[in-house]
Amino acid sequence: MSRRTAPCRSDFLECELGWDAPLETFFGQVFDTRYRDDGHDGLAVWMGAAPQEVPTAASLAERLSPWVDIGAELIEALEADRAAEPDWPPLDPEVVAWIETLPEIRVDGHMPGSQLRHPEPEL
């Protein structure tokens, strides 16, 4: 698994992104630092939490573009992270079935109501 940071389009946002080899997906998380309190990390956007959800670094950049500036150099670095990761065995079908039974934690990449204590970050 790789984990990198990227420049955000607002001073109060932070972003972590990378390649998750076991899930075979790129992921991105955007944190709104204005809502970090009482142990809450301020997670506002989460993409790539399901198997094969985000297939390319370019698609991750496009999906995160409202909040994060992911340039060509970072896209290349993310693709290199994927290429450098050793092959993982496919997820066990029972694990995939279990993941599919979990309550939906994303709505178009956003954490839903009970887990989202603040609005979508605006720039």
C-alpha atoms as a PDB file:
ATOM      1  CA  MET A   1       0.000   0.000   0.000  1.00  0.00           C
ATOM      2  CA  SER A   2       1.248   3.450  -0.801  1.00  0.00           C
ATOM      3  CA  ARG A   3       0.219   6.667   0.879  1.00  0.00           C
ATOM      4  CA  ARG A   4       0.984  10.146  -0.399  1.00  0.00           C
ATOM      5  CA  THR A   5      -0.267  13.670   0.163  1.00  0.00           C
ATOM      6  CA  ALA A   6      -1.463  16.122  -2.466  1.00  0.00           C
ATOM      7  CA  PRO A   7      -2.025  19.870  -2.502  1.00  0.00           C
ATOM      8  CA  CYS A   8      -5.611  20.808  -1.736  1.00  0.00           C
ATOM      9  CA  ARG A   9      -7.613  23.669  -3.166  1.00  0.00           C
ATOM     10  CA  SER A  10      -8.261  25.127   0.290  1.00  0.00           C
ATOM     11  CA  ASP A  11      -6.074  25.747   3.334  1.00  0.00           C
ATOM     12  CA  PHE A  12      -8.431  23.845   5.647  1.00  0.00           C
ATOM     13  CA  LEU A  13      -8.363  20.619   3.584  1.00  0.00           C
ATOM     14  CA  GLU A  14      -5.810  17.821   3.700  1.00  0.00           C
ATOM     15  CA  CYS A  15      -5.613  14.858   1.347  1.00  0.00           C
ATOM     16  CA  GLU A  16      -4.095  11.396   1.506  1.00  0.00           C
ATOM     17  CA  LEU A  17      -4.095   9.137  -1.521  1.00  0.00           C
ATOM     18  CA  GLY A  18      -2.396   6.022  -2.782  1.00  0.00           C
ATOM     19  CA  TRP A  19      -2.653   2.482  -4.080  1.00  0.00           C
ATOM     20  CA  ASP A  20      -4.309  -0.276  -2.022  1.00  0.00           C
ATOM     21  CA  ALA A  21      -2.950  -3.524  -3.468  1.00  0.00           C
ATOM     22  CA  PRO A  22      -5.225  -5.991  -1.641  1.00  0.00           C
ATOM     23  CA  LEU A  23      -8.325  -4.112  -2.824  1.00  0.00           C
ATOM     24  CA  GLU A  24      -6.766  -3.399  -6.250  1.00  0.00           C
ATOM     25  CA  THR A  25      -7.852   0.223  -6.151  1.00  0.00           C
ATOM     26  CA  PHE A  26      -6.476   3.697  -5.837  1.00  0.00           C
ATOM     27  CA  PHE A  27      -7.885   5.567  -2.854  1.00  0.00           C
ATOM     28  CA  GLY A  28      -8.261   9.163  -1.788  1.00  0.00           C
ATOM     29  CA  GLN A  29      -9.345  10.711   1.468  1.00  0.00           C
ATOM     30  CA  VAL A  30     -10.029  14.398   1.990  1.00  0.00           C
ATOM     31  CA  PHE A  31     -10.062  15.726   5.540  1.00  0.00           C
ATOM     32  CA  ASP A  32     -11.662  19.002   6.570  1.00  0.00           C
ATOM     33  CA  THR A  33      -9.501  20.214   9.455  1.00  0.00           C
ATOM     34  CA  ARG A  34     -12.255  22.556  10.686  1.00  0.00           C
ATOM     35  CA  TYR A  35     -14.134  19.507  11.974  1.00  0.00           C
ATOM     36  CA  ARG A  36     -11.407  17.713  13.871  1.00  0.00           C
ATOM     37  CA  ASP A  37     -12.733  17.464  17.384  1.00  0.00           C
ATOM     38  CA  ASP A  38     -13.700  14.921  20.019  1.00  0.00           C
ATOM     39  CA  GLY A  39     -11.610  12.259  18.326  1.00  0.00           C
ATOM     40  CA  HIS A  40     -13.218  12.846  14.916  1.00  0.00           C
ATOM     41  CA  ASP A  41     -10.621  13.004  12.140  1.00  0.00           C
ATOM     42  CA  GLY A  42     -12.590  15.339   9.867  1.00  0.00           C
ATOM     43  CA  LEU A  43     -12.947  12.795   7.050  1.00  0.00           C
ATOM     44  CA  ALA A  44     -15.186  14.384   4.438  1.00  0.00           C
ATOM     45  CA  VAL A  45     -14.524  12.439   1.222  1.00  0.00           C
ATOM     46  CA  TRP A  46     -13.403   8.835   0.813  1.00  0.00           C
ATOM     47  CA  MET A  47     -12.982   7.125  -2.524  1.00  0.00           C
ATOM     48  CA  GLY A  48     -11.492   3.707  -3.160  1.00  0.00           C
ATOM     49  CA  ALA A  49     -12.801   1.800  -0.151  1.00  0.00           C
ATOM     50  CA  ALA A  50     -14.270  -1.047  -2.222  1.00  0.00           C
ATOM     51  CA  PRO A  51     -12.464  -3.613  -4.369  1.00  0.00           C
ATOM     52  CA  GLN A  52     -11.420  -2.229  -7.780  1.00  0.00           C
ATOM     53  CA  GLU A  53     -13.435   0.967  -7.222  1.00  0.00           C
ATOM     54  CA  VAL A  54     -10.899   3.416  -8.705  1.00  0.00           C
ATOM     55  CA  PRO A  55      -8.937   1.660 -11.474  1.00  0.00           C
ATOM     56  CA  THR A  56      -6.440   4.357 -12.483  1.00  0.00           C
ATOM     57  CA  ALA A  57      -4.578   7.242 -10.898  1.00  0.00           C
ATOM     58  CA  ALA A  58      -6.006   9.517 -13.595  1.00  0.00           C
ATOM     59  CA  SER A  59      -9.563   8.563 -12.625  1.00  0.00           C
ATOM     60  CA  LEU A  60      -8.716   9.247  -8.977  1.00  0.00           C
ATOM     61  CA  ALA A  61      -7.385  12.682  -9.952  1.00  0.00           C
ATOM     62  CA  GLU A  62     -10.566  13.440 -11.864  1.00  0.00           C
ATOM     63  CA  ARG A  63     -12.853  12.317  -9.037  1.00  0.00           C
ATOM     64  CA  LEU A  64     -10.925  14.287  -6.400  1.00  0.00           C
ATOM     65  CA  SER A  65     -10.501  17.394  -8.575  1.00  0.00           C
ATOM     66  CA  PRO A  66     -13.113  19.511  -6.731  1.00  0.00           C
ATOM     67  CA  TRP A  67     -10.877  19.423  -3.628  1.00  0.00           C
ATOM     68  CA  VAL A  68      -7.386  18.314  -4.642  1.00  0.00           C
ATOM     69  CA  ASP A  69      -4.870  19.264  -7.320  1.00  0.00           C
ATOM     70  CA  ILE A  70      -3.295  16.030  -8.584  1.00  0.00           C
ATOM     71  CA  GLY A  71      -0.911  16.884 -11.395  1.00  0.00           C
ATOM     72  CA  ALA A  72       0.649  14.643 -14.035  1.00  0.00           C
ATOM     73  CA  GLU A  73       3.774  14.055 -11.944  1.00  0.00           C
ATOM     74  CA  LEU A  74       1.765  12.732  -8.998  1.00  0.00           C
ATOM     75  CA  ILE A  75      -0.385  10.585 -11.318  1.00  0.00           C
ATOM     76  CA  GLU A  76       2.825   9.027 -12.674  1.00  0.00           C
ATOM     77  CA  ALA A  77       4.130   8.460  -9.133  1.00  0.00           C
ATOM     78  CA  LEU A  78       0.882   6.755  -8.097  1.00  0.00           C
ATOM     79  CA  GLU A  79       0.984   4.483 -11.150  1.00  0.00           C
ATOM     80  CA  ALA A  80       4.616   3.672 -10.284  1.00  0.00           C
ATOM     81  CA  ASP A  81       3.480   2.783  -6.743  1.00  0.00           C
ATOM     82  CA  ARG A  82       1.021   0.307  -8.220  1.00  0.00           C
ATOM     83  CA  ALA A  83       3.653  -1.185 -10.545  1.00  0.00           C
ATOM     84  CA  ALA A  84       6.135  -1.570  -7.676  1.00  0.00           C
ATOM     85  CA  GLU A  85       3.675  -3.373  -5.417  1.00  0.00           C
ATOM     86  CA  PRO A  86       4.025  -7.155  -5.433  1.00  0.00           C
ATOM     87  CA  ASP A  87       1.080  -9.100  -6.782  1.00  0.00           C
ATOM     88  CA  TRP A  88      -1.430 -10.032  -4.143  1.00  0.00           C
ATOM     89  CA  PRO A  89      -3.586 -13.101  -4.391  1.00  0.00           C
ATOM     90  CA  PRO A  90      -7.187 -12.352  -5.340  1.00  0.00           C
ATOM     91  CA  LEU A  91      -9.450 -11.533  -2.442  1.00  0.00           C
ATOM     92  CA  ASP A  92     -11.135 -14.572  -1.017  1.00  0.00           C
ATOM     93  CA  PRO A  93     -14.723 -14.733  -2.319  1.00  0.00           C
ATOM     94  CA  GLU A  94     -15.951 -14.916   1.275  1.00  0.00           C
ATOM     95  CA  VAL A  95     -14.170 -11.631   2.045  1.00  0.00           C
ATOM     96  CA  VAL A  96     -15.699  -9.988  -1.030  1.00  0.00           C
ATOM     97  CA  ALA A  97     -19.124 -11.285  -0.024  1.00  0.00           C
ATOM     98  CA  TRP A  98     -18.618  -9.907   3.485  1.00  0.00           C
ATOM     99  CA  ILE A  99     -17.566  -6.501   2.124  1.00  0.00           C
ATOM    100  CA  GLU A 100     -20.701  -6.426  -0.009  1.00  0.00           C
ATOM    101  CA  THR A 101     -22.906  -6.993   3.077  1.00  0.00           C
ATOM    102  CA  LEU A 102     -21.501  -3.985   4.916  1.00  0.00           C
ATOM    103  CA  PRO A 103     -23.739  -0.939   5.110  1.00  0.00           C
ATOM    104  CA  GLU A 104     -22.916   1.615   2.467  1.00  0.00           C
ATOM    105  CA  ILE A 105     -20.354   4.011   3.902  1.00  0.00           C
ATOM    106  CA  ARG A 106     -20.031   6.162   0.813  1.00  0.00           C
ATOM    107  CA  VAL A 107     -22.454   8.153  -1.252  1.00  0.00           C
ATOM    108  CA  ASP A 108     -20.617   9.298  -4.378  1.00  0.00           C
ATOM    109  CA  GLY A 109     -17.433   9.254  -2.352  1.00  0.00           C
ATOM    110  CA  HIS A 110     -18.853  11.185   0.611  1.00  0.00           C
ATOM    111  CA  MET A 111     -19.387   9.844   4.077  1.00  0.00           C
ATOM    112  CA  PRO A 112     -23.143   9.717   4.750  1.00  0.00           C
ATOM    113  CA  GLY A 113     -25.277  11.390   7.401  1.00  0.00           C
ATOM    114  CA  SER A 114     -24.542   9.678  10.695  1.00  0.00           C
ATOM    115  CA  GLN A 115     -20.832   9.481   9.984  1.00  0.00           C
ATOM    116  CA  LEU A 116     -20.531  12.910   8.403  1.00  0.00           C
ATOM    117  CA  ARG A 117     -20.901  15.598  11.017  1.00  0.00           C
ATOM    118  CA  HIS A 118     -20.304  18.460   8.636  1.00  0.00           C
ATOM    119  CA  PRO A 119     -21.173  19.521   5.100  1.00  0.00           C
ATOM    120  CA  GLU A 120     -19.179  18.659   2.018  1.00  0.00           C
ATOM    121  CA  PRO A 121     -16.115  20.902   2.088  1.00  0.00           C
ATOM    122  CA  GLU A 122     -16.573  23.985  -0.021  1.00  0.00           C
ATOM    123  CA  LEU A 123     -13.668  25.922  -1.395  1.00  0.00           C
END
